[in-house]
């Protein structure tokens, strides 16, 4: 039986948690904050960055554009502003294919 804690998702993440989740360095995330106005995390009372799930989605899009699609920073900025829905669809498709691939590799290993 699920408890209330199972239904509550985390609302804020530290830069370290985001970096670990996305396999990036914290310095790269901080750099992207200076280059992309869409990445604008809040800061807590201590001055530490706190990221919302929406912020994390933007960072995923930037990572996809820069690292996978090989856009320049200027090109990635333009894509974020103009083709946001297309990027989301491509990311979802890519994530689904990676999950299927992982499942198939596990299935292959178990045979």
PDB file of N, CA and C in Angstrom:
ATOM      1  N   UNK A   1       0.842  -1.183   0.000  1.00  0.00           N
ATOM      2  CA  UNK A   1       0.000   0.000   0.000  1.00  0.00           C
ATOM      3  C   UNK A   1       0.884   1.243   0.000  1.00  0.00           C
ATOM      4  N   UNK A   2       0.546   2.206  -0.850  1.00  0.00           N
ATOM      5  CA  UNK A   2       1.348   3.419  -0.954  1.00  0.00           C
ATOM      6  C   UNK A   2       0.949   4.410   0.140  1.00  0.00           C
ATOM      7  N   UNK A   3       1.946   5.081   0.666  1.00  0.00           N
ATOM      8  CA  UNK A   3       1.697   6.102   1.678  1.00  0.00           C
ATOM      9  C   UNK A   3       1.652   7.476   1.008  1.00  0.00           C
ATOM     10  N   UNK A   4       1.326   8.490   1.784  1.00  0.00           N
ATOM     11  CA  UNK A   4       1.292   9.849   1.244  1.00  0.00           C
ATOM     12  C   UNK A   4       2.657  10.275   0.734  1.00  0.00           C
ATOM     13  N   UNK A   5       3.715   9.807   1.372  1.00  0.00           N
ATOM     14  CA  UNK A   5       5.073  10.171   0.959  1.00  0.00           C
ATOM     15  C   UNK A   5       5.380   9.663  -0.452  1.00  0.00           C
ATOM     16  N   UNK A   6       4.761   8.554  -0.868  1.00  0.00           N
ATOM     17  CA  UNK A   6       4.988   8.019  -2.206  1.00  0.00           C
ATOM     18  C   UNK A   6       4.396   8.918  -3.288  1.00  0.00           C
ATOM     19  N   UNK A   7       3.353   9.665  -2.934  1.00  0.00           N
ATOM     20  CA  UNK A   7       2.689  10.522  -3.919  1.00  0.00           C
ATOM     21  C   UNK A   7       3.287  11.930  -3.975  1.00  0.00           C
ATOM     22  N   UNK A   8       4.083  12.278  -3.001  1.00  0.00           N
ATOM     23  CA  UNK A   8       4.677  13.608  -2.955  1.00  0.00           C
ATOM     24  C   UNK A   8       6.022  13.555  -3.659  1.00  0.00           C
ATOM     25  N   UNK A   9       6.159  14.394  -4.664  1.00  0.00           N
ATOM     26  CA  UNK A   9       7.442  14.437  -5.374  1.00  0.00           C
ATOM     27  C   UNK A   9       8.225  15.649  -4.897  1.00  0.00           C
ATOM     28  N   UNK A  10       9.497  15.571  -5.066  1.00  0.00           N
ATOM     29  CA  UNK A  10      10.383  16.637  -4.637  1.00  0.00           C
ATOM     30  C   UNK A  10      10.176  17.850  -5.537  1.00  0.00           C
ATOM     31  N   UNK A  11      10.110  19.041  -4.945  1.00  0.00           N
ATOM     32  CA  UNK A  11       9.861  20.251  -5.709  1.00  0.00           C
ATOM     33  C   UNK A  11      11.128  21.036  -6.040  1.00  0.00           C
ATOM     34  N   UNK A  12      12.175  20.867  -5.237  1.00  0.00           N
ATOM     35  CA  UNK A  12      13.409  21.607  -5.445  1.00  0.00           C
ATOM     36  C   UNK A  12      14.603  20.670  -5.356  1.00  0.00           C
ATOM     37  N   UNK A  13      15.584  20.907  -6.235  1.00  0.00           N
ATOM     38  CA  UNK A  13      16.779  20.077  -6.291  1.00  0.00           C
ATOM     39  C   UNK A  13      18.011  20.967  -6.224  1.00  0.00           C
ATOM     40  N   UNK A  14      19.062  20.476  -5.604  1.00  0.00           N
ATOM     41  CA  UNK A  14      20.315  21.224  -5.551  1.00  0.00           C
ATOM     42  C   UNK A  14      21.044  21.065  -6.874  1.00  0.00           C
ATOM     43  N   UNK A  15      22.034  21.907  -7.095  1.00  0.00           N
ATOM     44  CA  UNK A  15      22.802  21.824  -8.339  1.00  0.00           C
ATOM     45  C   UNK A  15      23.554  20.493  -8.419  1.00  0.00           C
ATOM     46  N   UNK A  16      23.988  19.977  -7.277  1.00  0.00           N
ATOM     47  CA  UNK A  16      24.662  18.681  -7.260  1.00  0.00           C
ATOM     48  C   UNK A  16      23.745  17.548  -7.672  1.00  0.00           C
ATOM     49  N   UNK A  17      22.500  17.596  -7.206  1.00  0.00           N
ATOM     50  CA  UNK A  17      21.532  16.563  -7.578  1.00  0.00           C
ATOM     51  C   UNK A  17      21.215  16.619  -9.069  1.00  0.00           C
ATOM     52  N   UNK A  18      21.078  17.833  -9.592  1.00  0.00           N
ATOM     53  CA  UNK A  18      20.794  17.998 -11.014  1.00  0.00           C
ATOM     54  C   UNK A  18      21.974  17.501 -11.847  1.00  0.00           C
ATOM     55  N   UNK A  19      23.175  17.867 -11.441  1.00  0.00           N
ATOM     56  CA  UNK A  19      24.375  17.449 -12.170  1.00  0.00           C
ATOM     57  C   UNK A  19      24.498  15.924 -12.177  1.00  0.00           C
ATOM     58  N   UNK A  20      24.249  15.303 -11.054  1.00  0.00           N
ATOM     59  CA  UNK A  20      24.354  13.845 -10.963  1.00  0.00           C
ATOM     60  C   UNK A  20      23.277  13.167 -11.812  1.00  0.00           C
ATOM     61  N   UNK A  21      22.071  13.683 -11.749  1.00  0.00           N
ATOM     62  CA  UNK A  21      20.957  13.116 -12.511  1.00  0.00           C
ATOM     63  C   UNK A  21      21.212  13.176 -14.018  1.00  0.00           C
ATOM     64  N   UNK A  22      21.774  14.289 -14.486  1.00  0.00           N
ATOM     65  CA  UNK A  22      21.970  14.485 -15.920  1.00  0.00           C
ATOM     66  C   UNK A  22      23.382  14.158 -16.385  1.00  0.00           C
ATOM     67  N   UNK A  23      24.216  13.701 -15.469  1.00  0.00           N
ATOM     68  CA  UNK A  23      25.606  13.347 -15.769  1.00  0.00           C
ATOM     69  C   UNK A  23      26.367  14.541 -16.370  1.00  0.00           C
ATOM     70  N   UNK A  24      26.247  15.676 -15.674  1.00  0.00           N
ATOM     71  CA  UNK A  24      26.932  16.909 -16.060  1.00  0.00           C
ATOM     72  C   UNK A  24      27.757  17.393 -14.878  1.00  0.00           C
ATOM     73  N   UNK A  25      28.602  18.372 -15.115  1.00  0.00           N
ATOM     74  CA  UNK A  25      29.344  18.979 -14.010  1.00  0.00           C
ATOM     75  C   UNK A  25      28.576  20.214 -13.530  1.00  0.00           C
ATOM     76  N   UNK A  26      28.788  20.546 -12.266  1.00  0.00           N
ATOM     77  CA  UNK A  26      28.100  21.723 -11.722  1.00  0.00           C
ATOM     78  C   UNK A  26      28.594  22.996 -12.396  1.00  0.00           C
ATOM     79  N   UNK A  27      29.871  23.034 -12.757  1.00  0.00           N
ATOM     80  CA  UNK A  27      30.404  24.231 -13.420  1.00  0.00           C
ATOM     81  C   UNK A  27      29.772  24.429 -14.798  1.00  0.00           C
ATOM     82  N   UNK A  28      29.470  23.342 -15.495  1.00  0.00           N
ATOM     83  CA  UNK A  28      28.823  23.454 -16.798  1.00  0.00           C
ATOM     84  C   UNK A  28      27.405  24.005 -16.645  1.00  0.00           C
ATOM     85  N   UNK A  29      26.698  23.543 -15.629  1.00  0.00           N
ATOM     86  CA  UNK A  29      25.347  24.049 -15.387  1.00  0.00           C
ATOM     87  C   UNK A  29      25.398  25.540 -15.052  1.00  0.00           C
ATOM     88  N   UNK A  30      26.359  25.936 -14.220  1.00  0.00           N
ATOM     89  CA  UNK A  30      26.508  27.358 -13.893  1.00  0.00           C
ATOM     90  C   UNK A  30      26.840  28.180 -15.142  1.00  0.00           C
ATOM     91  N   UNK A  31      27.679  27.635 -16.026  1.00  0.00           N
ATOM     92  CA  UNK A  31      28.009  28.317 -17.277  1.00  0.00           C
ATOM     93  C   UNK A  31      26.760  28.500 -18.130  1.00  0.00           C
ATOM     94  N   UNK A  32      25.960  27.448 -18.231  1.00  0.00           N
ATOM     95  CA  UNK A  32      24.737  27.547 -19.028  1.00  0.00           C
ATOM     96  C   UNK A  32      23.793  28.588 -18.461  1.00  0.00           C
ATOM     97  N   UNK A  33      23.811  28.805 -17.147  1.00  0.00           N
ATOM     98  CA  UNK A  33      22.983  29.858 -16.542  1.00  0.00           C
ATOM     99  C   UNK A  33      23.368  31.221 -17.104  1.00  0.00           C
ATOM    100  N   UNK A  34      24.645  31.431 -17.355  1.00  0.00           N
ATOM    101  CA  UNK A  34      25.082  32.720 -17.884  1.00  0.00           C
ATOM    102  C   UNK A  34      24.770  32.855 -19.368  1.00  0.00           C
ATOM    103  N   UNK A  35      24.695  31.753 -20.078  1.00  0.00           N
ATOM    104  CA  UNK A  35      24.487  31.789 -21.527  1.00  0.00           C
ATOM    105  C   UNK A  35      23.024  31.709 -21.952  1.00  0.00           C
ATOM    106  N   UNK A  36      22.180  31.098 -21.124  1.00  0.00           N
ATOM    107  CA  UNK A  36      20.777  30.895 -21.477  1.00  0.00           C
ATOM    108  C   UNK A  36      19.888  31.531 -20.418  1.00  0.00           C
ATOM    109  N   UNK A  37      19.080  32.506 -20.838  1.00  0.00           N
ATOM    110  CA  UNK A  37      18.206  33.186 -19.882  1.00  0.00           C
ATOM    111  C   UNK A  37      17.109  32.245 -19.366  1.00  0.00           C
ATOM    112  N   UNK A  38      16.854  31.165 -20.086  1.00  0.00           N
ATOM    113  CA  UNK A  38      15.818  30.212 -19.661  1.00  0.00           C
ATOM    114  C   UNK A  38      16.222  29.453 -18.396  1.00  0.00           C
ATOM    115  N   UNK A  39      17.513  29.355 -18.143  1.00  0.00           N
ATOM    116  CA  UNK A  39      18.003  28.680 -16.935  1.00  0.00           C
ATOM    117  C   UNK A  39      18.201  29.757 -15.873  1.00  0.00           C
ATOM    118  N   UNK A  40      17.240  29.842 -14.982  1.00  0.00           N
ATOM    119  CA  UNK A  40      17.283  30.874 -13.958  1.00  0.00           C
ATOM    120  C   UNK A  40      16.771  30.280 -12.641  1.00  0.00           C
ATOM    121  N   UNK A  41      17.613  29.489 -11.964  1.00  0.00           N
ATOM    122  CA  UNK A  41      17.144  28.857 -10.731  1.00  0.00           C
ATOM    123  C   UNK A  41      16.968  29.879  -9.611  1.00  0.00           C
ATOM    124  N   UNK A  42      16.092  29.551  -8.704  1.00  0.00           N
ATOM    125  CA  UNK A  42      15.909  30.376  -7.515  1.00  0.00           C
ATOM    126  C   UNK A  42      17.084  30.112  -6.581  1.00  0.00           C
ATOM    127  N   UNK A  43      17.257  30.981  -5.620  1.00  0.00           N
ATOM    128  CA  UNK A  43      18.283  30.770  -4.602  1.00  0.00           C
ATOM    129  C   UNK A  43      17.605  30.746  -3.246  1.00  0.00           C
ATOM    130  N   UNK A  44      18.072  29.828  -2.383  1.00  0.00           N
ATOM    131  CA  UNK A  44      17.490  29.738  -1.054  1.00  0.00           C
ATOM    132  C   UNK A  44      18.112  30.790  -0.139  1.00  0.00           C
ATOM    133  N   UNK A  45      17.781  30.749   1.129  1.00  0.00           N
ATOM    134  CA  UNK A  45      18.281  31.754   2.077  1.00  0.00           C
ATOM    135  C   UNK A  45      19.797  31.771   2.171  1.00  0.00           C
ATOM    136  N   UNK A  46      20.401  30.626   1.986  1.00  0.00           N
ATOM    137  CA  UNK A  46      21.866  30.538   2.040  1.00  0.00           C
ATOM    138  C   UNK A  46      22.521  31.037   0.758  1.00  0.00           C
ATOM    139  N   UNK A  47      21.741  31.204  -0.295  1.00  0.00           N
ATOM    140  CA  UNK A  47      22.295  31.615  -1.575  1.00  0.00           C
ATOM    141  C   UNK A  47      22.586  30.450  -2.500  1.00  0.00           C
ATOM    142  N   UNK A  48      22.210  29.240  -2.094  1.00  0.00           N
ATOM    143  CA  UNK A  48      22.408  28.052  -2.936  1.00  0.00           C
ATOM    144  C   UNK A  48      21.324  27.981  -4.002  1.00  0.00           C
ATOM    145  N   UNK A  49      21.703  27.537  -5.175  1.00  0.00           N
ATOM    146  CA  UNK A  49      20.742  27.386  -6.265  1.00  0.00           C
ATOM    147  C   UNK A  49      19.803  26.221  -5.966  1.00  0.00           C
ATOM    148  N   UNK A  50      18.523  26.441  -6.247  1.00  0.00           N
ATOM    149  CA  UNK A  50      17.539  25.365  -6.138  1.00  0.00           C
ATOM    150  C   UNK A  50      16.765  25.309  -7.452  1.00  0.00           C
ATOM    151  N   UNK A  51      16.711  24.122  -8.015  1.00  0.00           N
ATOM    152  CA  UNK A  51      16.113  23.922  -9.326  1.00  0.00           C
ATOM    153  C   UNK A  51      14.763  23.233  -9.195  1.00  0.00           C
ATOM    154  N   UNK A  52      13.797  23.698  -9.971  1.00  0.00           N
ATOM    155  CA  UNK A  52      12.489  23.069 -10.038  1.00  0.00           C
ATOM    156  C   UNK A  52      12.516  22.033 -11.162  1.00  0.00           C
ATOM    157  N   UNK A  53      11.531  21.145 -11.201  1.00  0.00           N
ATOM    158  CA  UNK A  53      11.475  20.203 -12.332  1.00  0.00           C
ATOM    159  C   UNK A  53      11.424  20.920 -13.694  1.00  0.00           C
ATOM    160  N   UNK A  54      10.806  22.087 -13.743  1.00  0.00           N
ATOM    161  CA  UNK A  54      10.758  22.861 -14.986  1.00  0.00           C
ATOM    162  C   UNK A  54      12.167  23.312 -15.397  1.00  0.00           C
ATOM    163  N   UNK A  55      12.956  23.761 -14.421  1.00  0.00           N
ATOM    164  CA  UNK A  55      14.345  24.148 -14.701  1.00  0.00           C
ATOM    165  C   UNK A  55      15.139  22.961 -15.238  1.00  0.00           C
ATOM    166  N   UNK A  56      14.913  21.804 -14.658  1.00  0.00           N
ATOM    167  CA  UNK A  56      15.637  20.602 -15.080  1.00  0.00           C
ATOM    168  C   UNK A  56      15.275  20.232 -16.517  1.00  0.00           C
ATOM    169  N   UNK A  57      14.017  20.402 -16.890  1.00  0.00           N
ATOM    170  CA  UNK A  57      13.603  20.120 -18.266  1.00  0.00           C
ATOM    171  C   UNK A  57      14.306  21.051 -19.246  1.00  0.00           C
ATOM    172  N   UNK A  58      14.452  22.316 -18.876  1.00  0.00           N
ATOM    173  CA  UNK A  58      15.157  23.272 -19.737  1.00  0.00           C
ATOM    174  C   UNK A  58      16.618  22.856 -19.884  1.00  0.00           C
ATOM    175  N   UNK A  59      17.246  22.439 -18.804  1.00  0.00           N
ATOM    176  CA  UNK A  59      18.642  22.002 -18.864  1.00  0.00           C
ATOM    177  C   UNK A  59      18.773  20.755 -19.741  1.00  0.00           C
ATOM    178  N   UNK A  60      17.793  19.857 -19.666  1.00  0.00           N
ATOM    179  CA  UNK A  60      17.809  18.673 -20.534  1.00  0.00           C
ATOM    180  C   UNK A  60      17.739  19.071 -22.003  1.00  0.00           C
ATOM    181  N   UNK A  61      16.904  20.056 -22.308  1.00  0.00           N
ATOM    182  CA  UNK A  61      16.787  20.527 -23.691  1.00  0.00           C
ATOM    183  C   UNK A  61      18.111  21.126 -24.165  1.00  0.00           C
ATOM    184  N   UNK A  62      18.721  21.931 -23.317  1.00  0.00           N
ATOM    185  CA  UNK A  62      19.999  22.555 -23.674  1.00  0.00           C
ATOM    186  C   UNK A  62      21.059  21.483 -23.900  1.00  0.00           C
ATOM    187  N   UNK A  63      21.105  20.508 -23.012  1.00  0.00           N
ATOM    188  CA  UNK A  63      22.064  19.407 -23.152  1.00  0.00           C
ATOM    189  C   UNK A  63      21.850  18.670 -24.468  1.00  0.00           C
ATOM    190  N   UNK A  64      20.613  18.406 -24.780  1.00  0.00           N
ATOM    191  CA  UNK A  64      20.278  17.703 -26.025  1.00  0.00           C
ATOM    192  C   UNK A  64      20.748  18.505 -27.238  1.00  0.00           C
ATOM    193  N   UNK A  65      20.454  19.799 -27.238  1.00  0.00           N
ATOM    194  CA  UNK A  65      20.820  20.632 -28.381  1.00  0.00           C
ATOM    195  C   UNK A  65      22.332  20.771 -28.540  1.00  0.00           C
ATOM    196  N   UNK A  66      23.032  20.962 -27.429  1.00  0.00           N
ATOM    197  CA  UNK A  66      24.472  21.193 -27.500  1.00  0.00           C
ATOM    198  C   UNK A  66      25.277  19.914 -27.697  1.00  0.00           C
ATOM    199  N   UNK A  67      24.944  18.880 -26.961  1.00  0.00           N
ATOM    200  CA  UNK A  67      25.762  17.670 -26.962  1.00  0.00           C
ATOM    201  C   UNK A  67      25.326  16.624 -27.990  1.00  0.00           C
ATOM    202  N   UNK A  68      24.019  16.481 -28.181  1.00  0.00           N
ATOM    203  CA  UNK A  68      23.534  15.452 -29.103  1.00  0.00           C
ATOM    204  C   UNK A  68      23.399  16.006 -30.521  1.00  0.00           C
ATOM    205  N   UNK A  69      22.734  17.142 -30.643  1.00  0.00           N
ATOM    206  CA  UNK A  69      22.505  17.735 -31.960  1.00  0.00           C
ATOM    207  C   UNK A  69      23.684  18.593 -32.440  1.00  0.00           C
ATOM    208  N   UNK A  70      24.658  18.851 -31.560  1.00  0.00           N
ATOM    209  CA  UNK A  70      25.883  19.581 -31.900  1.00  0.00           C
ATOM    210  C   UNK A  70      25.640  21.029 -32.345  1.00  0.00           C
ATOM    211  N   UNK A  71      24.644  21.682 -31.759  1.00  0.00           N
ATOM    212  CA  UNK A  71      24.407  23.095 -32.039  1.00  0.00           C
ATOM    213  C   UNK A  71      25.455  23.943 -31.324  1.00  0.00           C
ATOM    214  N   UNK A  72      25.687  25.137 -31.850  1.00  0.00           N
ATOM    215  CA  UNK A  72      26.491  26.117 -31.126  1.00  0.00           C
ATOM    216  C   UNK A  72      25.596  26.732 -30.055  1.00  0.00           C
ATOM    217  N   UNK A  73      26.184  27.485 -29.154  1.00  0.00           N
ATOM    218  CA  UNK A  73      25.371  28.117 -28.102  1.00  0.00           C
ATOM    219  C   UNK A  73      24.355  29.063 -28.727  1.00  0.00           C
ATOM    220  N   UNK A  74      24.783  29.818 -29.719  1.00  0.00           N
ATOM    221  CA  UNK A  74      23.870  30.745 -30.395  1.00  0.00           C
ATOM    222  C   UNK A  74      22.732  29.974 -31.077  1.00  0.00           C
ATOM    223  N   UNK A  75      23.074  28.895 -31.757  1.00  0.00           N
ATOM    224  CA  UNK A  75      22.061  28.080 -32.424  1.00  0.00           C
ATOM    225  C   UNK A  75      21.106  27.435 -31.436  1.00  0.00           C
ATOM    226  N   UNK A  76      21.631  26.988 -30.306  1.00  0.00           N
ATOM    227  CA  UNK A  76      20.780  26.375 -29.279  1.00  0.00           C
ATOM    228  C   UNK A  76      19.813  27.408 -28.698  1.00  0.00           C
ATOM    229  N   UNK A  77      20.300  28.641 -28.498  1.00  0.00           N
ATOM    230  CA  UNK A  77      19.421  29.714 -27.999  1.00  0.00           C
ATOM    231  C   UNK A  77      18.255  29.931 -28.957  1.00  0.00           C
ATOM    232  N   UNK A  78      18.562  29.993 -30.246  1.00  0.00           N
ATOM    233  CA  UNK A  78      17.513  30.202 -31.249  1.00  0.00           C
ATOM    234  C   UNK A  78      16.528  29.037 -31.269  1.00  0.00           C
ATOM    235  N   UNK A  79      17.033  27.825 -31.190  1.00  0.00           N
ATOM    236  CA  UNK A  79      16.152  26.656 -31.193  1.00  0.00           C
ATOM    237  C   UNK A  79      15.240  26.638 -29.973  1.00  0.00           C
ATOM    238  N   UNK A  80      15.770  27.010 -28.820  1.00  0.00           N
ATOM    239  CA  UNK A  80      14.944  27.045 -27.614  1.00  0.00           C
ATOM    240  C   UNK A  80      13.802  28.042 -27.748  1.00  0.00           C
ATOM    241  N   UNK A  81      14.063  29.148 -28.390  1.00  0.00           N
ATOM    242  CA  UNK A  81      13.035  30.174 -28.542  1.00  0.00           C
ATOM    243  C   UNK A  81      12.025  29.825 -29.628  1.00  0.00           C
ATOM    244  N   UNK A  82      12.466  29.184 -30.696  1.00  0.00           N
ATOM    245  CA  UNK A  82      11.600  28.983 -31.863  1.00  0.00           C
ATOM    246  C   UNK A  82      10.932  27.623 -31.947  1.00  0.00           C
ATOM    247  N   UNK A  83      11.622  26.567 -31.570  1.00  0.00           N
ATOM    248  CA  UNK A  83      11.110  25.214 -31.819  1.00  0.00           C
ATOM    249  C   UNK A  83      11.018  24.405 -30.536  1.00  0.00           C
ATOM    250  N   UNK A  84      10.477  24.992 -29.491  1.00  0.00           N
ATOM    251  CA  UNK A  84      10.441  24.331 -28.191  1.00  0.00           C
ATOM    252  C   UNK A  84       9.646  23.026 -28.226  1.00  0.00           C
ATOM    253  N   UNK A  85       8.505  23.009 -28.895  1.00  0.00           N
ATOM    254  CA  UNK A  85       7.665  21.804 -28.938  1.00  0.00           C
ATOM    255  C   UNK A  85       8.351  20.668 -29.696  1.00  0.00           C
ATOM    256  N   UNK A  86       9.076  21.008 -30.735  1.00  0.00           N
ATOM    257  CA  UNK A  86       9.803  20.006 -31.506  1.00  0.00           C
ATOM    258  C   UNK A  86      10.890  19.357 -30.657  1.00  0.00           C
ATOM    259  N   UNK A  87      11.574  20.164 -29.869  1.00  0.00           N
ATOM    260  CA  UNK A  87      12.632  19.645 -29.000  1.00  0.00           C
ATOM    261  C   UNK A  87      12.055  18.685 -27.976  1.00  0.00           C
ATOM    262  N   UNK A  88      10.918  19.051 -27.395  1.00  0.00           N
ATOM    263  CA  UNK A  88      10.273  18.184 -26.397  1.00  0.00           C
ATOM    264  C   UNK A  88       9.911  16.845 -27.023  1.00  0.00           C
ATOM    265  N   UNK A  89       9.353  16.863 -28.219  1.00  0.00           N
ATOM    266  CA  UNK A  89       8.977  15.616 -28.893  1.00  0.00           C
ATOM    267  C   UNK A  89      10.206  14.763 -29.193  1.00  0.00           C
ATOM    268  N   UNK A  90      11.283  15.401 -29.655  1.00  0.00           N
ATOM    269  CA  UNK A  90      12.507  14.654 -29.943  1.00  0.00           C
ATOM    270  C   UNK A  90      13.102  14.048 -28.677  1.00  0.00           C
ATOM    271  N   UNK A  91      13.080  14.813 -27.589  1.00  0.00           N
ATOM    272  CA  UNK A  91      13.610  14.305 -26.320  1.00  0.00           C
ATOM    273  C   UNK A  91      12.806  13.115 -25.818  1.00  0.00           C
ATOM    274  N   UNK A  92      11.484  13.214 -25.905  1.00  0.00           N
ATOM    275  CA  UNK A  92      10.638  12.104 -25.453  1.00  0.00           C
ATOM    276  C   UNK A  92      10.876  10.863 -26.295  1.00  0.00           C
ATOM    277  N   UNK A  93      11.000  11.041 -27.590  1.00  0.00           N
ATOM    278  CA  UNK A  93      11.269   9.906 -28.474  1.00  0.00           C
ATOM    279  C   UNK A  93      12.616   9.283 -28.152  1.00  0.00           C
ATOM    280  N   UNK A  94      13.620  10.124 -27.955  1.00  0.00           N
ATOM    281  CA  UNK A  94      14.962   9.632 -27.629  1.00  0.00           C
ATOM    282  C   UNK A  94      14.970   8.864 -26.309  1.00  0.00           C
ATOM    283  N   UNK A  95      14.305   9.413 -25.294  1.00  0.00           N
ATOM    284  CA  UNK A  95      14.239   8.735 -23.995  1.00  0.00           C
ATOM    285  C   UNK A  95      13.538   7.389 -24.106  1.00  0.00           C
ATOM    286  N   UNK A  96      12.458   7.343 -24.869  1.00  0.00           N
ATOM    287  CA  UNK A  96      11.728   6.094 -25.053  1.00  0.00           C
ATOM    288  C   UNK A  96      12.605   5.056 -25.754  1.00  0.00           C
ATOM    289  N   UNK A  97      13.309   5.472 -26.793  1.00  0.00           N
ATOM    290  CA  UNK A  97      14.180   4.548 -27.515  1.00  0.00           C
ATOM    291  C   UNK A  97      15.329   4.046 -26.641  1.00  0.00           C
ATOM    292  N   UNK A  98      15.871   4.920 -25.809  1.00  0.00           N
ATOM    293  CA  UNK A  98      16.941   4.493 -24.898  1.00  0.00           C
ATOM    294  C   UNK A  98      16.432   3.477 -23.879  1.00  0.00           C
ATOM    295  N   UNK A  99      15.209   3.667 -23.404  1.00  0.00           N
ATOM    296  CA  UNK A  99      14.621   2.713 -22.461  1.00  0.00           C
ATOM    297  C   UNK A  99      14.383   1.359 -23.133  1.00  0.00           C
ATOM    298  N   UNK A 100      13.879   1.392 -24.362  1.00  0.00           N
ATOM    299  CA  UNK A 100      13.637   0.151 -25.102  1.00  0.00           C
ATOM    300  C   UNK A 100      14.964  -0.570 -25.344  1.00  0.00           C
ATOM    301  N   UNK A 101      15.978   0.187 -25.725  1.00  0.00           N
ATOM    302  CA  UNK A 101      17.298  -0.405 -25.956  1.00  0.00           C
ATOM    303  C   UNK A 101      17.831  -1.064 -24.686  1.00  0.00           C
ATOM    304  N   UNK A 102      17.694  -0.365 -23.571  1.00  0.00           N
ATOM    305  CA  UNK A 102      18.162  -0.901 -22.298  1.00  0.00           C
ATOM    306  C   UNK A 102      17.419  -2.187 -21.947  1.00  0.00           C
ATOM    307  N   UNK A 103      16.102  -2.180 -22.165  1.00  0.00           N
ATOM    308  CA  UNK A 103      15.304  -3.375 -21.892  1.00  0.00           C
ATOM    309  C   UNK A 103      15.739  -4.536 -22.770  1.00  0.00           C
ATOM    310  N   UNK A 104      15.967  -4.258 -24.042  1.00  0.00           N
ATOM    311  CA  UNK A 104      16.364  -5.320 -24.964  1.00  0.00           C
ATOM    312  C   UNK A 104      17.742  -5.884 -24.613  1.00  0.00           C
ATOM    313  N   UNK A 105      18.639  -5.015 -24.180  1.00  0.00           N
ATOM    314  CA  UNK A 105      19.958  -5.502 -23.755  1.00  0.00           C
ATOM    315  C   UNK A 105      19.858  -6.376 -22.502  1.00  0.00           C
ATOM    316  N   UNK A 106      19.004  -5.985 -21.576  1.00  0.00           N
ATOM    317  CA  UNK A 106      18.780  -6.817 -20.377  1.00  0.00           C
ATOM    318  C   UNK A 106      18.177  -8.152 -20.763  1.00  0.00           C
ATOM    319  N   UNK A 107      17.235  -8.133 -21.695  1.00  0.00           N
ATOM    320  CA  UNK A 107      16.584  -9.355 -22.157  1.00  0.00           C
ATOM    321  C   UNK A 107      17.607 -10.265 -22.827  1.00  0.00           C
ATOM    322  N   UNK A 108      18.469  -9.700 -23.648  1.00  0.00           N
ATOM    323  CA  UNK A 108      19.512 -10.446 -24.335  1.00  0.00           C
ATOM    324  C   UNK A 108      20.448 -11.108 -23.314  1.00  0.00           C
ATOM    325  N   UNK A 109      20.846 -10.339 -22.291  1.00  0.00           N
ATOM    326  CA  UNK A 109      21.742 -10.880 -21.271  1.00  0.00           C
ATOM    327  C   UNK A 109      21.099 -11.998 -20.454  1.00  0.00           C
ATOM    328  N   UNK A 110      19.796 -11.932 -20.284  1.00  0.00           N
ATOM    329  CA  UNK A 110      19.129 -12.967 -19.487  1.00  0.00           C
ATOM    330  C   UNK A 110      18.914 -14.253 -20.272  1.00  0.00           C
ATOM    331  N   UNK A 111      19.039 -14.203 -21.576  1.00  0.00           N
ATOM    332  CA  UNK A 111      18.827 -15.418 -22.392  1.00  0.00           C
ATOM    333  C   UNK A 111      20.043 -16.273 -22.448  1.00  0.00           C
TER     334      UNK A 111
END
